[in-house]
Amino acid sequence: MDLEEKIKEENKKLRHLRLMIDLSIQLLYQQKNLSLSEGFKYIALARNYAISLFPDKGEVFDIVYKPRLMRVLEERNLISYSAN
């Protein structure tokens, strides 16, 4: 695989991850009667998907995407969350 193909593959993975995160956020916002455990389950599924695309990048997910997902749970009054 040459460099151009690697870049295309990386961009494809990033698009898939962004879509997964966007869908997870929509699900967290729109699901009626969402429980805290269900919310955490969806976040864990998104994290597992990210790791399947980018192995050994779980910490990056925790820094970049997890705060966005946790804010949804906070906005739904399921948790009190601060990223700091």
N, C-alpha and C. Protein backbone atom coordinates (compact mmCIF):
# COMPACT_ATOMS: atom_id res chain seq x y z
N MET A 1 0.86 -1.18 0.00
CA MET A 1 0.00 0.00 0.00
C MET A 1 0.90 1.24 0.00
N ASP A 2 0.67 2.11 -0.97
CA ASP A 2 1.50 3.32 -1.01
C ASP A 2 0.93 4.40 -0.10
N LEU A 3 1.65 5.49 0.02
CA LEU A 3 1.29 6.56 0.95
C LEU A 3 -0.09 7.13 0.65
N GLU A 4 -0.39 7.34 -0.62
CA GLU A 4 -1.68 7.92 -0.99
C GLU A 4 -2.84 7.00 -0.57
N GLU A 5 -2.67 5.71 -0.75
CA GLU A 5 -3.71 4.76 -0.34
C GLU A 5 -3.86 4.73 1.18
N LYS A 6 -2.75 4.83 1.90
CA LYS A 6 -2.81 4.87 3.36
C LYS A 6 -3.55 6.10 3.85
N ILE A 7 -3.29 7.22 3.20
CA ILE A 7 -3.98 8.47 3.58
C ILE A 7 -5.48 8.35 3.31
N LYS A 8 -5.83 7.79 2.15
CA LYS A 8 -7.26 7.60 1.83
C LYS A 8 -7.93 6.68 2.85
N GLU A 9 -7.24 5.61 3.22
CA GLU A 9 -7.80 4.67 4.20
C GLU A 9 -7.97 5.34 5.57
N GLU A 10 -6.99 6.13 5.96
CA GLU A 10 -7.07 6.85 7.24
C GLU A 10 -8.23 7.84 7.23
N ASN A 11 -8.40 8.56 6.13
CA ASN A 11 -9.52 9.50 6.01
C ASN A 11 -10.86 8.79 6.05
N LYS A 12 -10.92 7.62 5.42
CA LYS A 12 -12.16 6.83 5.44
C LYS A 12 -12.49 6.40 6.87
N LYS A 13 -11.50 5.95 7.60
CA LYS A 13 -11.72 5.56 9.00
C LYS A 13 -12.19 6.75 9.83
N LEU A 14 -11.59 7.91 9.61
CA LEU A 14 -12.00 9.11 10.35
C LEU A 14 -13.45 9.49 10.04
N ARG A 15 -13.85 9.39 8.78
CA ARG A 15 -15.24 9.69 8.42
C ARG A 15 -16.19 8.72 9.12
N HIS A 16 -15.82 7.45 9.15
CA HIS A 16 -16.66 6.45 9.81
C HIS A 16 -16.76 6.74 11.31
N LEU A 17 -15.64 7.12 11.91
CA LEU A 17 -15.65 7.43 13.34
C LEU A 17 -16.51 8.66 13.62
N ARG A 18 -16.38 9.70 12.81
CA ARG A 18 -17.20 10.90 13.00
C ARG A 18 -18.69 10.56 12.89
N LEU A 19 -19.03 9.73 11.92
CA LEU A 19 -20.42 9.32 11.76
C LEU A 19 -20.90 8.56 13.00
N MET A 20 -20.09 7.66 13.50
CA MET A 20 -20.45 6.90 14.71
C MET A 20 -20.65 7.83 15.90
N ILE A 21 -19.77 8.81 16.06
CA ILE A 21 -19.90 9.76 17.17
C ILE A 21 -21.17 10.59 17.00
N ASP A 22 -21.42 11.08 15.79
CA ASP A 22 -22.63 11.86 15.54
C ASP A 22 -23.89 11.05 15.81
N LEU A 23 -23.90 9.81 15.37
CA LEU A 23 -25.06 8.94 15.62
C LEU A 23 -25.22 8.65 17.11
N SER A 24 -24.12 8.46 17.80
CA SER A 24 -24.18 8.21 19.24
C SER A 24 -24.75 9.42 19.97
N ILE A 25 -24.32 10.60 19.58
CA ILE A 25 -24.84 11.83 20.20
C ILE A 25 -26.33 11.96 19.94
N GLN A 26 -26.75 11.71 18.70
CA GLN A 26 -28.19 11.76 18.40
C GLN A 26 -28.97 10.77 19.24
N LEU A 27 -28.45 9.58 19.35
CA LEU A 27 -29.10 8.54 20.14
C LEU A 27 -29.22 8.96 21.61
N LEU A 28 -28.13 9.49 22.15
CA LEU A 28 -28.15 9.92 23.55
C LEU A 28 -29.15 11.06 23.78
N TYR A 29 -29.28 11.95 22.81
CA TYR A 29 -30.23 13.06 22.95
C TYR A 29 -31.67 12.60 22.76
N GLN A 30 -31.90 11.72 21.82
CA GLN A 30 -33.27 11.45 21.38
C GLN A 30 -33.95 10.27 22.04
N GLN A 31 -33.19 9.38 22.64
CA GLN A 31 -33.83 8.20 23.24
C GLN A 31 -34.61 8.61 24.48
N LYS A 32 -35.89 8.32 24.45
CA LYS A 32 -36.73 8.64 25.61
C LYS A 32 -36.39 7.71 26.75
N ASN A 33 -36.49 8.23 27.95
CA ASN A 33 -36.24 7.45 29.17
C ASN A 33 -34.86 6.78 29.18
N LEU A 34 -33.87 7.48 28.67
CA LEU A 34 -32.50 6.96 28.67
C LEU A 34 -32.01 6.86 30.10
N SER A 35 -31.53 5.69 30.47
CA SER A 35 -30.96 5.52 31.81
C SER A 35 -29.47 5.82 31.75
N LEU A 36 -28.90 6.06 32.92
CA LEU A 36 -27.47 6.33 32.99
C LEU A 36 -26.67 5.14 32.48
N SER A 37 -27.07 3.94 32.85
CA SER A 37 -26.33 2.76 32.40
C SER A 37 -26.42 2.59 30.88
N GLU A 38 -27.57 2.91 30.29
CA GLU A 38 -27.68 2.85 28.83
C GLU A 38 -26.79 3.89 28.18
N GLY A 39 -26.75 5.08 28.76
CA GLY A 39 -25.88 6.13 28.23
C GLY A 39 -24.42 5.71 28.25
N PHE A 40 -24.00 5.15 29.37
CA PHE A 40 -22.62 4.67 29.47
C PHE A 40 -22.36 3.53 28.48
N LYS A 41 -23.37 2.70 28.26
CA LYS A 41 -23.22 1.59 27.31
C LYS A 41 -22.97 2.13 25.90
N TYR A 42 -23.74 3.14 25.50
CA TYR A 42 -23.55 3.72 24.17
C TYR A 42 -22.18 4.37 24.03
N ILE A 43 -21.73 5.02 25.09
CA ILE A 43 -20.40 5.63 25.05
C ILE A 43 -19.33 4.54 24.93
N ALA A 44 -19.49 3.46 25.67
CA ALA A 44 -18.53 2.35 25.60
C ALA A 44 -18.53 1.71 24.21
N LEU A 45 -19.69 1.58 23.61
CA LEU A 45 -19.76 1.02 22.25
C LEU A 45 -19.05 1.92 21.25
N ALA A 46 -19.24 3.23 21.38
CA ALA A 46 -18.55 4.17 20.49
C ALA A 46 -17.04 4.08 20.69
N ARG A 47 -16.61 3.96 21.94
CA ARG A 47 -15.17 3.85 22.24
C ARG A 47 -14.61 2.56 21.65
N ASN A 48 -15.32 1.46 21.81
CA ASN A 48 -14.86 0.18 21.25
C ASN A 48 -14.77 0.25 19.72
N TYR A 49 -15.72 0.94 19.10
CA TYR A 49 -15.67 1.10 17.65
C TYR A 49 -14.44 1.91 17.25
N ALA A 50 -14.19 2.99 17.98
CA ALA A 50 -13.01 3.82 17.70
C ALA A 50 -11.73 3.01 17.82
N ILE A 51 -11.66 2.18 18.85
CA ILE A 51 -10.46 1.36 19.06
C ILE A 51 -10.34 0.30 17.96
N SER A 52 -11.47 -0.19 17.46
CA SER A 52 -11.39 -1.16 16.36
C SER A 52 -10.82 -0.51 15.09
N LEU A 53 -11.10 0.77 14.91
CA LEU A 53 -10.55 1.49 13.76
C LEU A 53 -9.11 1.93 13.99
N PHE A 54 -8.84 2.38 15.22
CA PHE A 54 -7.54 2.93 15.57
C PHE A 54 -7.04 2.26 16.85
N PRO A 55 -6.46 1.07 16.74
CA PRO A 55 -5.97 0.36 17.93
C PRO A 55 -4.99 1.22 18.73
N ASP A 56 -5.01 1.04 20.03
CA ASP A 56 -4.13 1.76 20.95
C ASP A 56 -4.40 3.26 21.00
N LYS A 57 -5.57 3.70 20.57
CA LYS A 57 -5.91 5.13 20.62
C LYS A 57 -7.08 5.40 21.55
N GLY A 58 -7.28 4.54 22.54
CA GLY A 58 -8.36 4.74 23.49
C GLY A 58 -8.22 6.04 24.26
N GLU A 59 -6.99 6.41 24.59
CA GLU A 59 -6.77 7.66 25.33
C GLU A 59 -7.16 8.87 24.48
N VAL A 60 -6.92 8.80 23.19
CA VAL A 60 -7.31 9.89 22.30
C VAL A 60 -8.83 10.02 22.29
N PHE A 61 -9.53 8.91 22.24
CA PHE A 61 -10.99 8.94 22.32
C PHE A 61 -11.43 9.61 23.61
N ASP A 62 -10.79 9.22 24.73
CA ASP A 62 -11.16 9.77 26.03
C ASP A 62 -10.95 11.28 26.11
N ILE A 63 -9.98 11.78 25.38
CA ILE A 63 -9.68 13.22 25.40
C ILE A 63 -10.57 13.98 24.42
N VAL A 64 -10.78 13.42 23.23
CA VAL A 64 -11.45 14.16 22.16
C VAL A 64 -12.97 13.95 22.16
N TYR A 65 -13.41 12.71 22.23
CA TYR A 65 -14.83 12.42 22.03
C TYR A 65 -15.62 12.18 23.31
N LYS A 66 -15.03 11.56 24.29
CA LYS A 66 -15.78 11.23 25.50
C LYS A 66 -16.39 12.47 26.17
N PRO A 67 -15.66 13.59 26.28
CA PRO A 67 -16.29 14.77 26.89
C PRO A 67 -17.55 15.23 26.16
N ARG A 68 -17.56 15.15 24.83
CA ARG A 68 -18.75 15.52 24.06
C ARG A 68 -19.92 14.61 24.41
N LEU A 69 -19.65 13.33 24.48
CA LEU A 69 -20.71 12.37 24.80
C LEU A 69 -21.19 12.53 26.24
N MET A 70 -20.28 12.77 27.15
CA MET A 70 -20.65 12.95 28.55
C MET A 70 -21.47 14.22 28.75
N ARG A 71 -21.19 15.27 27.97
CA ARG A 71 -21.98 16.50 28.07
C ARG A 71 -23.44 16.25 27.73
N VAL A 72 -23.69 15.34 26.81
CA VAL A 72 -25.08 15.01 26.48
C VAL A 72 -25.77 14.42 27.70
N LEU A 73 -25.08 13.51 28.39
CA LEU A 73 -25.67 12.93 29.60
C LEU A 73 -25.91 14.01 30.65
N GLU A 74 -24.99 14.96 30.74
CA GLU A 74 -25.16 16.06 31.69
C GLU A 74 -26.34 16.94 31.29
N GLU A 75 -26.47 17.26 30.01
CA GLU A 75 -27.58 18.08 29.55
C GLU A 75 -28.93 17.39 29.77
N ARG A 76 -28.91 16.09 29.78
CA ARG A 76 -30.14 15.33 30.05
C ARG A 76 -30.34 15.10 31.54
N ASN A 77 -29.50 15.72 32.35
CA ASN A 77 -29.57 15.64 33.81
C ASN A 77 -29.41 14.22 34.35
N LEU A 78 -28.59 13.44 33.67
CA LEU A 78 -28.30 12.10 34.16
C LEU A 78 -27.06 12.09 35.04
N ILE A 79 -26.17 13.06 34.82
CA ILE A 79 -24.94 13.16 35.61
C ILE A 79 -24.57 14.62 35.78
N SER A 80 -23.66 14.85 36.70
CA SER A 80 -22.99 16.14 36.82
C SER A 80 -21.57 15.89 36.37
N TYR A 81 -21.16 16.52 35.27
CA TYR A 81 -19.87 16.18 34.65
C TYR A 81 -19.07 17.44 34.40
N SER A 82 -17.80 17.36 34.69
CA SER A 82 -16.85 18.42 34.35
C SER A 82 -15.66 17.77 33.70
N ALA A 83 -15.26 18.25 32.52
CA ALA A 83 -14.13 17.67 31.79
C ALA A 83 -12.81 18.00 32.44
N ASN A 84 -12.78 18.94 33.36
CA ASN A 84 -11.52 19.34 34.00
C ASN A 84 -11.15 18.42 35.11
